[in-house]
C-alpha atoms as a PDB file:
ATOM      1  CA  UNK A   1      49.666  73.300  95.064  1.00  0.00           C
ATOM      2  CA  UNK A   2      50.853  72.759  91.488  1.00  0.00           C
ATOM      3  CA  UNK A   3      48.514  69.800  90.916  1.00  0.00           C
ATOM      4  CA  UNK A   4      46.472  67.122  92.659  1.00  0.00           C
ATOM      5  CA  UNK A   5      45.104  63.965  91.065  1.00  0.00           C
ATOM      6  CA  UNK A   6      42.937  61.334  92.713  1.00  0.00           C
ATOM      7  CA  UNK A   7      42.360  57.815  91.375  1.00  0.00           C
ATOM      8  CA  UNK A   8      40.027  55.297  93.022  1.00  0.00           C
ATOM      9  CA  UNK A   9      41.797  51.929  92.817  1.00  0.00           C
ATOM     10  CA  UNK A  10      39.572  49.593  94.796  1.00  0.00           C
ATOM     11  CA  UNK A  11      36.133  50.081  96.367  1.00  0.00           C
ATOM     12  CA  UNK A  12      34.063  47.713  98.502  1.00  0.00           C
ATOM     13  CA  UNK A  13      30.644  48.502  99.950  1.00  0.00           C
ATOM     14  CA  UNK A  14      28.085  46.906 102.248  1.00  0.00           C
ATOM     15  CA  UNK A  15      24.753  48.016 103.671  1.00  0.00           C
ATOM     16  CA  UNK A  16      22.993  46.558 106.711  1.00  0.00           C
ATOM     17  CA  UNK A  17      19.706  48.296 107.421  1.00  0.00           C
ATOM     18  CA  UNK A  18      20.466  51.991 107.837  1.00  0.00           C
ATOM     19  CA  UNK A  19      24.250  51.533 108.166  1.00  0.00           C
ATOM     20  CA  UNK A  20      26.526  51.673 105.136  1.00  0.00           C
ATOM     21  CA  UNK A  21      30.205  50.815 104.880  1.00  0.00           C
ATOM     22  CA  UNK A  22      32.754  51.649 102.200  1.00  0.00           C
ATOM     23  CA  UNK A  23      36.430  50.713 102.187  1.00  0.00           C
ATOM     24  CA  UNK A  24      39.266  50.366  99.762  1.00  0.00           C
ATOM     25  CA  UNK A  25      42.285  52.151  98.299  1.00  0.00           C
ATOM     26  CA  UNK A  26      42.922  55.251  96.234  1.00  0.00           C
ATOM     27  CA  UNK A  27      46.036  56.908  94.859  1.00  0.00           C
ATOM     28  CA  UNK A  28      46.907  60.564  95.355  1.00  0.00           C
ATOM     29  CA  UNK A  29      49.362  62.069  92.893  1.00  0.00           C
ATOM     30  CA  UNK A  30      50.293  65.637  93.797  1.00  0.00           C
ATOM     31  CA  UNK A  31      52.949  68.328  93.849  1.00  0.00           C
ATOM     32  CA  UNK A  32      53.136  71.056  96.450  1.00  0.00           C
ATOM     33  CA  UNK A  33      54.602  74.346  95.250  1.00  0.00           C
ATOM     34  CA  UNK A  34      58.382  74.259  95.606  1.00  0.00           C
ATOM     35  CA  UNK A  35      58.504  70.560  96.550  1.00  0.00           C
ATOM     36  CA  UNK A  36      59.096  67.310  94.734  1.00  0.00           C
ATOM     37  CA  UNK A  37      56.103  65.426  93.289  1.00  0.00           C
ATOM     38  CA  UNK A  38      54.578  62.730  95.515  1.00  0.00           C
ATOM     39  CA  UNK A  39      52.411  59.710  94.802  1.00  0.00           C
ATOM     40  CA  UNK A  40      50.890  57.776  97.689  1.00  0.00           C
ATOM     41  CA  UNK A  41      48.513  54.861  98.073  1.00  0.00           C
ATOM     42  CA  UNK A  42      45.804  55.556 100.655  1.00  0.00           C
ATOM     43  CA  UNK A  43      43.679  53.015 102.516  1.00  0.00           C
ATOM     44  CA  UNK A  44      40.266  54.343 103.616  1.00  0.00           C
ATOM     45  CA  UNK A  45      37.188  53.294 105.580  1.00  0.00           C
ATOM     46  CA  UNK A  46      33.850  55.122 105.810  1.00  0.00           C
ATOM     47  CA  UNK A  47      30.872  54.288 108.036  1.00  0.00           C
ATOM     48  CA  UNK A  48      27.571  56.010 107.247  1.00  0.00           C
ATOM     49  CA  UNK A  49      24.059  56.016 108.725  1.00  0.00           C
ATOM     50  CA  UNK A  50      20.909  56.755 106.734  1.00  0.00           C
ATOM     51  CA  UNK A  51      18.498  59.017 108.588  1.00  0.00           C
ATOM     52  CA  UNK A  52      16.121  61.792 107.601  1.00  0.00           C
ATOM     53  CA  UNK A  53      16.527  60.969 103.896  1.00  0.00           C
ATOM     54  CA  UNK A  54      20.304  61.433 103.827  1.00  0.00           C
ATOM     55  CA  UNK A  55      23.516  59.563 104.603  1.00  0.00           C
ATOM     56  CA  UNK A  56      25.395  60.927 107.625  1.00  0.00           C
ATOM     57  CA  UNK A  57      29.086  60.121 108.140  1.00  0.00           C
ATOM     58  CA  UNK A  58      29.748  58.408 111.453  1.00  0.00           C
ATOM     59  CA  UNK A  59      33.415  57.578 110.866  1.00  0.00           C
ATOM     60  CA  UNK A  60      35.978  58.392 108.199  1.00  0.00           C
ATOM     61  CA  UNK A  61      39.503  57.035 108.423  1.00  0.00           C
ATOM     62  CA  UNK A  62      42.419  57.013 106.038  1.00  0.00           C
ATOM     63  CA  UNK A  63      46.044  56.168 106.353  1.00  0.00           C
ATOM     64  CA  UNK A  64      48.998  56.496 104.081  1.00  0.00           C
ATOM     65  CA  UNK A  65      51.812  54.030 104.439  1.00  0.00           C
ATOM     66  CA  UNK A  66      53.609  51.450 102.413  1.00  0.00           C
ATOM     67  CA  UNK A  67      51.368  48.558 101.331  1.00  0.00           C
ATOM     68  CA  UNK A  68      52.177  45.399  99.425  1.00  0.00           C
ATOM     69  CA  UNK A  69      50.167  44.314  96.370  1.00  0.00           C
ATOM     70  CA  UNK A  70      47.536  42.619  98.613  1.00  0.00           C
ATOM     71  CA  UNK A  71      46.932  45.772 100.659  1.00  0.00           C
ATOM     72  CA  UNK A  72      48.847  44.653 103.746  1.00  0.00           C
ATOM     73  CA  UNK A  73      51.016  47.204 105.544  1.00  0.00           C
ATOM     74  CA  UNK A  74      54.746  46.842 104.946  1.00  0.00           C
ATOM     75  CA  UNK A  75      56.506  46.888 108.327  1.00  0.00           C
ATOM     76  CA  UNK A  76      60.014  48.354 108.315  1.00  0.00           C
ATOM     77  CA  UNK A  77      62.365  48.681 111.258  1.00  0.00           C
END
């Protein structure tokens, strides 16, 4: 990889008892060796549980697709 940059664009969080949620968007700007540069907007969701004095990841999801300015997926056919 020639370079990789990560920028957190939007972050939301919530905690209910011992369960924590985080969701939002980040941008990845990168260039693989021998390929053209790429810049993608990524939507992510994380679900965590607090136990034994640490946060444990229960679910991590991310997807990369085209989104409009409100964060809605752009459907193309």
